[in-house]
Every structure is written in C-alpha cells, then in structure tokens.
Protein backbone atom coordinates (compact mmCIF):
# COMPACT_ATOMS: atom_id res chain seq x y z
CA MET A 1 -2.86 29.81 -23.20
CA ASN A 2 0.73 28.71 -22.72
CA ILE A 3 0.56 26.52 -19.60
CA TRP A 4 3.44 25.09 -17.59
CA PHE A 5 2.96 22.16 -15.21
CA PHE A 6 5.52 21.76 -12.42
CA ASN A 7 5.13 18.19 -11.20
CA HIS A 8 8.15 16.32 -9.86
CA TYR A 9 6.97 12.80 -10.74
CA ALA A 10 5.07 13.53 -13.96
CA VAL A 11 7.22 11.52 -16.38
CA PRO A 12 5.36 9.71 -19.21
CA VAL A 13 2.83 7.25 -17.82
CA SER A 14 4.63 4.33 -19.47
CA LEU A 15 7.44 4.94 -16.94
CA TYR A 16 5.47 5.89 -13.83
CA PRO A 17 1.67 5.73 -13.52
CA LEU A 18 0.94 9.32 -12.47
CA ALA A 19 -1.82 9.87 -15.01
CA ARG A 20 -3.42 13.13 -13.79
CA PRO A 21 -0.96 15.62 -15.39
CA PHE A 22 -0.87 13.63 -18.63
CA HIS A 23 -4.65 13.58 -18.99
CA PHE A 24 -5.00 17.26 -18.12
CA ALA A 25 -2.28 18.16 -20.62
CA ASN A 26 -3.81 15.95 -23.30
CA HIS A 27 -7.30 17.40 -22.96
CA LEU A 28 -6.04 21.00 -22.67
CA GLN A 29 -4.09 20.57 -25.90
CA LYS A 30 -7.23 19.28 -27.62
CA LYS A 31 -8.83 22.57 -26.56
CA GLY A 32 -6.05 24.52 -28.31
CA HIS A 33 -3.76 25.31 -25.40
CA LYS A 34 0.00 24.77 -25.35
CA VAL A 35 1.19 22.67 -22.41
CA THR A 36 4.68 21.80 -21.13
CA ILE A 37 5.25 19.41 -18.24
CA PHE A 38 8.42 19.98 -16.19
CA ALA A 39 9.34 16.75 -14.37
CA ALA A 40 12.41 15.37 -12.62
CA SER A 41 14.64 13.11 -14.72
CA SER A 42 14.63 10.49 -11.94
CA VAL A 43 11.75 8.03 -12.23
CA HIS A 44 10.08 7.53 -8.86
CA LEU A 45 10.30 4.02 -7.33
CA SER A 46 12.89 2.88 -9.87
CA ASP A 47 16.60 3.11 -10.70
CA LYS A 48 15.84 4.69 -14.08
CA ASN A 49 17.04 8.20 -14.88
CA LEU A 50 16.13 9.96 -18.12
CA ILE A 51 19.36 11.98 -18.15
CA THR A 52 22.55 9.93 -17.86
CA ASP A 53 25.04 12.54 -19.03
CA ARG A 54 25.94 16.04 -17.81
CA ARG A 55 22.99 17.84 -19.41
CA PRO A 56 20.92 19.84 -16.89
CA MET A 57 17.70 19.23 -18.78
CA ARG A 58 16.21 17.30 -21.69
CA ALA A 59 13.12 18.20 -23.72
CA LYS A 60 11.15 15.45 -25.43
CA ARG A 61 7.69 15.01 -26.92
CA THR A 62 6.04 11.75 -25.82
CA ASP A 63 2.47 10.64 -26.52
CA GLY A 64 1.81 14.08 -27.98
CA ILE A 65 2.88 15.90 -24.80
CA ARG A 66 5.99 18.07 -24.48
CA TYR A 67 8.03 17.08 -21.44
CA VAL A 68 11.05 18.84 -20.00
CA PHE A 69 13.08 16.54 -17.74
CA LEU A 70 15.21 18.36 -15.18
CA LYS A 71 18.27 16.49 -14.03
CA ALA A 72 17.86 15.11 -10.51
CA ARG A 73 19.82 12.41 -8.75
CA ASN A 74 18.49 8.90 -8.18
CA TYR A 75 17.57 7.87 -4.65
CA LYS A 76 16.19 4.99 -2.63
CA GLY A 77 13.76 5.17 0.25
CA ASN A 78 12.76 8.35 2.06
CA GLY A 79 16.10 9.51 3.41
CA LEU A 80 18.53 12.31 2.60
CA GLY A 81 18.89 11.24 -1.02
CA ARG A 82 15.23 11.85 -1.71
CA ILE A 83 15.34 15.28 -0.06
CA LEU A 84 18.37 16.23 -2.16
CA ASN A 85 16.48 15.00 -5.22
CA PHE A 86 13.71 17.49 -4.35
CA PHE A 87 16.26 20.30 -4.25
CA ASP A 88 17.86 19.18 -7.53
CA TYR A 89 14.54 19.49 -9.31
CA THR A 90 13.63 22.80 -7.69
CA PHE A 91 17.05 24.35 -8.41
CA ARG A 92 16.78 23.45 -12.08
CA LEU A 93 13.32 24.96 -12.33
CA PHE A 94 15.01 28.27 -11.59
CA THR A 95 17.95 27.74 -13.94
CA GLN A 96 16.31 26.02 -16.94
CA THR A 97 12.77 27.37 -17.42
CA GLY A 98 14.09 30.66 -18.83
CA LYS A 99 15.07 28.79 -22.01
CA PHE A 100 11.40 28.44 -22.98
CA ASN A 101 8.71 30.90 -24.06
CA LYS A 102 7.16 32.60 -21.06
CA PRO A 103 3.94 31.01 -19.78
CA ASP A 104 0.56 32.59 -19.22
CA VAL A 105 0.02 30.46 -16.13
CA ILE A 106 2.02 27.96 -14.05
CA MET A 107 0.32 25.08 -12.25
CA ALA A 108 2.66 23.77 -9.56
CA THR A 109 1.78 20.53 -7.78
CA SER A 110 2.71 19.74 -4.18
CA VAL A 111 3.94 16.25 -4.41
CA HIS A 112 6.44 18.23 -2.38
CA PRO A 113 6.03 21.90 -1.40
CA LEU A 114 9.23 23.18 -3.04
CA ALA A 115 7.60 22.87 -6.47
CA CYS A 116 4.86 25.23 -5.28
CA VAL A 117 7.42 27.68 -3.90
CA ALA A 118 9.21 27.65 -7.27
CA GLY A 119 5.93 28.14 -9.11
CA ILE A 120 4.99 31.19 -7.03
CA LEU A 121 8.42 32.83 -7.32
CA LEU A 122 8.85 32.10 -11.03
CA ALA A 123 5.35 33.41 -11.77
CA LYS A 124 6.47 36.74 -10.36
CA LYS A 125 9.62 36.63 -12.50
CA TYR A 126 7.67 35.84 -15.67
CA ARG A 127 4.74 38.12 -14.76
CA CYS A 128 2.17 35.37 -15.03
CA ARG A 129 -0.29 33.68 -12.69
CA CYS A 130 0.45 30.70 -10.45
CA VAL A 131 -2.11 28.08 -9.48
CA VAL A 132 -0.90 25.56 -6.92
CA GLU A 133 -2.34 22.09 -6.78
CA ILE A 134 -2.37 20.32 -3.42
CA ALA A 135 -2.07 16.57 -3.89
CA ASP A 136 -0.69 15.90 -0.39
CA LEU A 137 -1.07 17.80 2.87
CA TRP A 138 2.48 18.62 3.91
CA PRO A 139 3.59 18.27 6.64
CA LEU A 140 0.43 16.67 8.11
CA THR A 141 0.98 13.50 6.08
CA LEU A 142 4.55 13.19 7.39
CA VAL A 143 3.34 13.65 10.95
CA GLU A 144 0.59 11.05 10.60
CA TYR A 145 3.00 8.45 9.18
CA GLY A 146 5.54 9.11 11.92
CA ALA A 147 8.27 10.56 9.69
CA ILE A 148 8.41 13.72 11.81
CA LYS A 149 6.86 14.81 15.11
CA GLU A 150 4.29 17.53 15.60
CA ASP A 151 6.42 19.62 17.96
CA GLN A 152 9.68 19.54 15.98
CA LEU A 153 11.21 22.71 14.57
CA ILE A 154 11.20 21.27 11.04
CA THR A 155 7.48 20.53 11.39
CA ARG A 156 6.68 24.08 12.45
CA ALA A 157 8.79 25.39 9.58
CA LEU A 158 6.93 23.21 7.07
CA TYR A 159 3.56 24.39 8.40
CA ALA A 160 4.74 27.98 8.04
CA LEU A 161 5.83 27.28 4.47
CA GLU A 162 2.49 25.65 3.69
CA HIS A 163 0.66 28.69 5.08
CA TRP A 164 2.83 30.98 2.93
CA ILE A 165 2.01 28.96 -0.20
CA TYR A 166 -1.74 29.29 0.38
CA LYS A 167 -1.40 33.04 0.93
CA LYS A 168 0.83 33.79 -2.04
CA ALA A 169 -0.65 31.54 -4.73
CA ASP A 170 -3.12 33.19 -7.09
CA ALA A 171 -5.40 30.15 -6.73
CA VAL A 172 -5.27 26.82 -4.91
CA ILE A 173 -6.74 23.56 -6.19
CA PHE A 174 -7.15 20.73 -3.67
CA THR A 175 -7.57 17.17 -4.88
CA MET A 176 -9.63 16.38 -1.78
CA TYR A 177 -13.03 17.77 -0.81
CA GLY A 178 -12.02 19.14 2.55
CA GLY A 179 -9.41 21.69 1.50
CA LYS A 180 -11.29 24.74 2.73
CA GLN A 181 -12.10 23.02 6.01
CA TYR A 182 -8.43 22.14 6.44
CA ILE A 183 -7.47 25.80 6.10
CA ARG A 184 -10.13 26.74 8.64
CA ASP A 185 -8.98 24.05 11.06
CA MET A 186 -5.40 25.30 10.79
CA GLY A 187 -6.57 28.81 11.73
CA TRP A 188 -5.43 30.33 8.42
CA ALA A 189 -8.78 31.52 7.09
CA SER A 190 -8.14 35.06 8.36
CA ASP A 191 -5.40 35.71 5.80
CA VAL A 192 -6.04 33.06 3.13
CA ASP A 193 -8.81 34.04 0.71
CA LEU A 194 -11.20 31.07 0.68
CA ASP A 195 -12.76 32.33 -2.55
CA LYS A 196 -9.58 31.36 -4.40
CA ILE A 197 -9.73 27.78 -3.08
CA TYR A 198 -11.06 25.20 -5.54
CA TYR A 199 -11.54 21.44 -5.65
CA ILE A 200 -10.81 19.06 -8.54
CA ASN A 201 -10.58 15.41 -7.55
CA ASN A 202 -8.54 12.78 -9.34
CA GLY A 203 -10.29 10.83 -12.04
CA VAL A 204 -10.04 8.50 -15.00
CA ASP A 205 -10.03 8.97 -18.76
CA LEU A 206 -13.10 6.89 -19.54
CA GLU A 207 -12.55 6.76 -23.29
CA LEU A 208 -9.03 5.42 -22.85
CA TYR A 209 -10.14 3.14 -20.02
CA ARG A 210 -12.80 1.46 -22.17
CA LYS A 211 -10.37 0.96 -25.04
CA GLN A 212 -7.81 -0.67 -22.73
CA GLU A 213 -10.51 -2.74 -21.06
CA GLN A 214 -11.40 -4.27 -24.42
CA LYS A 215 -7.98 -4.51 -26.09
CA GLU A 216 -5.26 -4.76 -23.44
CA ILE A 217 -5.92 -8.22 -22.05
CA TYR A 218 -3.60 -9.55 -19.34
CA GLU A 219 -3.25 -13.30 -19.77
CA ASP A 220 -3.86 -15.10 -16.48
CA GLU A 221 -5.55 -18.46 -16.03
CA ASP A 222 -6.50 -17.69 -12.42
CA LEU A 223 -8.45 -14.61 -13.50
CA ASP A 224 -10.36 -16.58 -16.09
CA LYS A 225 -11.81 -19.12 -13.66
CA LYS A 226 -15.57 -18.47 -13.71
CA SER A 227 -16.21 -20.40 -10.49
CA THR A 228 -14.08 -18.07 -8.36
CA PHE A 229 -15.31 -14.94 -6.54
CA LYS A 230 -12.40 -12.58 -7.21
CA VAL A 231 -11.46 -9.84 -4.74
CA MET A 232 -9.09 -7.36 -6.38
CA TYR A 233 -6.39 -5.03 -5.06
CA THR A 234 -4.20 -2.89 -7.32
CA GLY A 235 -1.45 -0.48 -6.35
CA SER A 236 1.50 0.00 -4.05
CA MET A 237 2.40 -2.18 -1.09
CA GLY A 238 3.79 0.04 1.64
CA ILE A 239 2.85 1.14 5.12
CA ALA A 240 0.42 3.74 3.75
CA ASN A 241 -1.52 1.03 1.91
CA SER A 242 -2.35 -1.26 4.87
CA VAL A 243 -2.30 -4.41 2.73
CA TYR A 244 -1.89 -6.54 5.86
CA ASP A 245 -5.56 -5.80 6.53
CA ILE A 246 -6.45 -7.69 3.34
CA LEU A 247 -4.31 -10.66 4.36
CA ASP A 248 -5.94 -10.86 7.79
CA ALA A 249 -9.40 -10.70 6.25
CA ALA A 250 -8.45 -13.41 3.75
CA LYS A 251 -7.32 -15.67 6.59
CA LEU A 252 -10.77 -15.40 8.17
CA LEU A 253 -12.35 -16.53 4.90
CA GLU A 254 -10.05 -19.48 4.24
CA ASN A 255 -12.94 -21.97 4.48
CA TYR A 256 -14.64 -20.37 1.47
CA LYS A 257 -12.59 -22.11 -1.20
CA ASP A 258 -14.07 -20.16 -4.10
CA ILE A 259 -13.16 -16.72 -2.69
CA ARG A 260 -9.72 -15.63 -3.88
CA PHE A 261 -7.83 -12.39 -3.28
CA PHE A 262 -5.74 -11.02 -6.18
CA LEU A 263 -3.02 -8.47 -5.38
CA PHE A 264 -1.56 -6.58 -8.34
CA GLY A 265 1.31 -4.21 -7.61
CA GLY A 266 4.53 -4.02 -5.69
CA GLY A 267 6.46 -2.03 -3.14
CA TYR A 268 8.92 -2.29 -0.30
CA GLN A 269 6.53 -4.42 1.80
CA GLU A 270 5.79 -6.96 -0.92
CA GLU A 271 8.23 -9.64 0.24
CA ASP A 272 7.24 -9.13 3.88
CA LEU A 273 3.59 -9.59 2.91
CA LYS A 274 4.40 -12.83 1.10
CA GLU A 275 6.33 -14.08 4.12
CA TYR A 276 3.39 -13.16 6.36
CA CYS A 277 1.16 -15.37 4.20
CA ARG A 278 3.60 -18.26 4.47
CA GLU A 279 3.94 -17.90 8.24
CA HIS A 280 0.16 -17.75 8.77
CA GLY A 281 -0.82 -20.35 6.20
CA ILE A 282 -2.78 -17.88 4.06
CA THR A 283 -3.34 -19.70 0.79
CA ASN A 284 -6.25 -17.77 -0.76
CA VAL A 285 -4.14 -14.69 -1.64
CA LEU A 286 -2.38 -14.51 -5.01
CA PHE A 287 0.45 -12.00 -5.47
CA LYS A 288 0.56 -11.07 -9.15
CA GLY A 289 3.31 -8.45 -9.05
CA LYS A 290 3.53 -5.20 -10.97
CA VAL A 291 1.78 -4.93 -14.30
CA ASN A 292 1.65 -2.16 -16.88
CA LYS A 293 -1.20 0.21 -15.99
CA LYS A 294 -2.73 -0.34 -19.43
CA TYR A 295 -3.73 -3.84 -18.28
CA ILE A 296 -5.59 -2.65 -15.15
CA PRO A 297 -8.97 -2.04 -16.84
CA GLY A 298 -8.99 -5.55 -18.29
CA ILE A 299 -7.84 -7.05 -15.00
CA LEU A 300 -10.51 -5.30 -12.92
CA ALA A 301 -13.18 -6.22 -15.45
CA ARG A 302 -12.64 -9.89 -14.57
CA GLY A 303 -13.02 -9.31 -10.83
CA ASP A 304 -16.10 -9.18 -8.64
CA LEU A 305 -15.12 -6.87 -5.79
CA ASN A 306 -12.40 -4.23 -5.26
CA MET A 307 -10.44 -3.46 -2.09
CA LEU A 308 -9.22 -0.04 -0.93
CA THR A 309 -7.12 -0.08 2.23
CA GLY A 310 -5.17 2.49 4.21
CA PRO A 311 -5.01 4.21 7.57
CA SER A 312 -7.85 6.38 8.80
CA ASP A 313 -6.12 9.46 10.16
CA LYS A 314 -6.28 13.25 10.13
CA VAL A 315 -5.31 13.31 6.47
CA SER A 316 -8.17 11.07 5.35
CA GLU A 317 -10.65 13.19 7.34
CA TYR A 318 -10.43 15.80 4.59
CA GLY A 319 -11.26 13.37 1.80
CA MET A 320 -9.64 10.77 -0.44
CA SER A 321 -8.45 11.14 -4.01
CA MET A 322 -6.40 8.07 -4.91
CA ASN A 323 -6.23 7.24 -8.61
CA LYS A 324 -7.26 3.64 -8.01
CA MET A 325 -10.61 4.76 -6.59
CA PHE A 326 -11.73 5.85 -10.03
CA ASP A 327 -10.30 2.79 -11.77
CA TYR A 328 -12.35 0.76 -9.31
CA MET A 329 -15.51 2.69 -10.09
CA ALA A 330 -14.88 2.48 -13.83
CA SER A 331 -14.65 -1.31 -13.53
CA GLY A 332 -18.34 -1.33 -12.70
CA HIS A 333 -17.80 -3.41 -9.56
CA PRO A 334 -18.34 -2.39 -5.92
CA THR A 335 -15.53 -1.51 -3.52
CA VAL A 336 -14.90 -2.36 0.12
CA SER A 337 -12.86 0.39 1.79
CA ASN A 338 -11.50 0.64 5.31
CA ILE A 339 -10.51 4.32 5.05
CA GLU A 340 -12.99 6.32 7.09
CA THR A 341 -13.56 9.87 5.81
CA LYS A 342 -16.17 12.59 6.00
CA ASN A 343 -16.38 12.65 2.20
CA ASP A 344 -16.79 9.00 1.24
CA LEU A 345 -17.36 8.72 -2.51
CA PHE A 346 -18.17 5.00 -2.30
CA VAL A 347 -20.76 5.16 0.47
CA ASP A 348 -22.26 8.51 -0.55
CA ASN A 349 -22.87 7.25 -4.09
CA GLY A 350 -23.95 3.71 -3.25
CA CYS A 351 -21.08 2.05 -5.07
CA GLY A 352 -19.34 0.47 -2.10
CA VAL A 353 -19.08 0.17 1.68
CA THR A 354 -16.61 1.36 4.27
CA VAL A 355 -15.68 -0.70 7.32
CA GLU A 356 -13.77 0.11 10.48
CA ALA A 357 -10.08 0.71 9.87
CA GLY A 358 -7.90 -2.16 11.03
CA SER A 359 -10.80 -4.55 11.62
CA ALA A 360 -10.14 -7.76 9.72
CA ARG A 361 -13.44 -9.15 10.96
CA GLU A 362 -15.49 -6.28 9.51
CA MET A 363 -13.61 -6.47 6.24
CA ALA A 364 -14.12 -10.21 5.97
CA ASP A 365 -17.82 -9.81 6.76
CA ALA A 366 -18.16 -7.16 4.04
CA VAL A 367 -16.51 -9.44 1.47
CA LEU A 368 -18.82 -12.25 2.55
CA ASP A 369 -21.85 -9.98 2.22
CA PHE A 370 -21.01 -9.22 -1.41
CA TYR A 371 -20.19 -12.88 -2.05
CA ARG A 372 -23.67 -13.89 -0.85
CA MET A 373 -25.50 -10.89 -2.29
CA ASP A 374 -28.43 -11.42 -4.65
CA GLN A 375 -27.89 -10.21 -8.22
CA THR A 376 -30.42 -7.37 -7.98
CA ARG A 377 -28.69 -5.70 -5.03
CA TYR A 378 -25.21 -6.44 -6.39
CA GLY A 379 -26.23 -5.04 -9.78
CA ALA A 380 -27.35 -1.80 -8.15
CA TYR A 381 -23.88 -1.32 -6.63
CA CYS A 382 -22.34 -1.97 -10.05
CA MET A 383 -24.63 0.49 -11.83
CA ASN A 384 -23.98 3.18 -9.21
CA ALA A 385 -20.24 2.77 -9.72
CA LYS A 386 -20.57 3.21 -13.50
CA GLU A 387 -22.76 6.28 -13.13
CA THR A 388 -20.67 7.92 -10.39
CA VAL A 389 -17.39 7.67 -12.29
CA LYS A 390 -18.81 9.77 -15.14
CA GLN A 391 -18.44 12.79 -12.85
CA TYR A 392 -14.72 12.08 -12.65
CA ASP A 393 -13.95 11.64 -16.34
CA PHE A 394 -10.85 13.72 -17.16
CA ALA A 395 -12.65 15.25 -20.13
CA PHE A 396 -15.14 16.70 -17.61
CA LEU A 397 -12.49 17.58 -14.99
CA THR A 398 -10.40 19.41 -17.60
CA ASP A 399 -13.32 21.71 -18.37
CA ARG A 400 -13.24 22.77 -14.73
CA LEU A 401 -9.45 23.20 -14.75
CA GLU A 402 -9.58 25.28 -17.94
CA GLU A 403 -12.20 27.52 -16.35
CA ILE A 404 -9.96 28.15 -13.32
CA LEU A 405 -6.80 28.75 -15.36
CA THR A 406 -8.56 31.03 -17.84
CA GLY A 407 -10.12 32.97 -14.99
CA GLU A 408 -6.70 33.59 -13.48
CA VAL A 409 -5.08 34.63 -16.77
CA THR A 410 -7.82 37.13 -17.54
CA LYS A 411 -7.69 38.84 -14.14
C-alpha cells in the first residue's frame, strides 16, 4: 500500500518527541508498504522551522522515513498565531499533496481537527480511503481546560465538525479505550457506524527502548546514588500536567532524607514550579531540565518509582494514552498516578496505583508505601509492568493498524 500520514507535529523524533507516527511508519515499511508523513515545517514548542525560505514544502528522508514538511508559520503559546499555523498546514495539504503519487489510504490525525477534514476531502479527490485517528477529543479538551466555554458558538461549531468527521471518515481509530462510549454519550451513535470505530493505544518500541536503555546513558551523579529512593517524572510542565501535585507531595515527605523526586522535562510552568519550591522550602525535588528522549530509558532504569500526574476530568473518563505511560511500564518500575479513569492500565494490570486527583496527602502516602514495600510485593509490581507493556509494543500495534488499513483499501 501507498500510505499517507497527515500529522501536524510529526517531524523527526530528534526534533520533537512524537514517536507514534515514526514507529508506525517504520514498522509498516518493514512490512513492504510505502509511507509518507506530511508534517508542518514549524517544530512544536520551539522556534525552529524546517523551511526558512519561500518554498511551500520540503521533502526529506530522515531515519529511513520520507517526510514532507509543509510550510507553516512559527507561533508561541495558544493564541491566534497557533490557530493560523493550523490553517497554514491544512491549506498546504490541499495545494502540495498533488505533487506526489496518489495514496491507497490516508491516515489523518486529530492533533487538531482540520487535518482530519483535509484527509476526508482529499481522499475523495484521490479516490482512496481515509482513516482518521483521534489523539485528542476536540473540543471537549478545550472546554475542560477552560480555553472555551461549553455554550459558546465556536464550541457548538467544533462539536458539529467533530460529529461530521466521525460520520464521513471510512474508519476511526481512537487512542483511548472509551471512544465508542464517547460517541454514545454525545448522542451520535444513531448516524455514526460503531462498527467502523477501532482502538489502538499509544505504545513503545521495545527493541529500540532496550537498546537505548543499555547504550544511551545520561551522566548524572544524583541518579547514581544507590542510597536514594528515586521518584521519577518525565515530560512537559504545563497546566495539563499538574506537576504542582508532585511538589506538594514532596513537601510532605521532606523528613525522609533518602526520598528524592527527579523531574525531567520542561515547559511554560517550569520556572514557576522552581519558584514554588524556593518559596515553600521544598529541597527534595531536583529539576533536571529537558533531555533527548533517547536518554529516557536509561534514566528511568535508575529510578524506583514513576509519577503520572494530570487533571481527572471528562476527557480522562474515556481513557488515557500518554506516551510516557508506556515508557514507565517499559522501565519495569511501578507508577503512582493521580488521573482517575474508567480504563486504568496501571491498576487493572497490577503495575501501579491511582490516588485521588489533587490530593497531595494520598500521593505522598502512596510514595511512602512503595518506599517501605517488601521486595516480594515490589517485585510483583515490576514484573507486571514488564509483562503489560508487551501488549503495547509498536511491532504488535502496527499489526493491528495494518489490518485496519488493508481492510479499508480492499473494500
């Protein structure tokens, strides 16, 4: 098959750590398929742009994958510039994709819904199938984070657009378990065929992960201290990540001098979080900054416990699918989460615990429980994590994706 991926942020993983499209493309190519990833030239959460001249697009093969970068303006924050960036990318999908051999199937990912709209319309133009992939529930996510209000005209318009996407796509893949239930709850099941709704969670490339775990060692004296119980957090630091919950829990454990919290990552709240620690005298939290994703396996291997934090809201009710969840499992260490969901991969598989959202006391108690845990019980959590993550190896997930795409092409 000739497969096109429309994914706004899917630049090479060395520039932005969105690994899902890369791993799918890599494994599909190993199976003999031709894959092209169409991404925006602007690199998310940076000032970098992969097109600095007047060219509307740029094709390049990186890490064995063919990328087509579509020129889109740089932006900061979540204001008008970012919205215009969405339109730049979508406009160029319509003007530039005709320069390439027609696809058999388009997979369009909703990091924003316009990519899905383009995928559906261009599939009609090229007489191929379109599978949309739902990575975020728009506009529900925007409503839950307070970016827009439920009763606004723009909100109703976005819900109508979302409904249209589900109706018109040839197939829909959700990255969270509760996709079908979401459609039912929205009252759309009467005209959206639930038989064309599928689920493929995020995952991890275990072969690559193990290689990086052994070879890509991040030098850090603090991580090498054997006497320290290391609580690990990796990822962004913004309002959606609720990192303040970790700081408050750490404050409650300040008398345990051998428990240390390691925070790897960055974001617009990073400096505020550091200031919060200074103001509240929190000295058992170490901010390590951003690191190349290739170092994450080796970093997590030297920890004892992982932390997953975020708000528990209507979005999380339908399941979680953050990339770091599977890195955490692959580390072979348990996870403490404070994101309450009906489909809890950590609790359901015995590889972690979930505490009440926003409760620093419960989080601190959970950390203390693992700190004091006997090796037999702790080892069971570790083994469950290693076994569970095998179900989310991208080699396995790609088999499922290939089955869906092939099924659509042969209809």
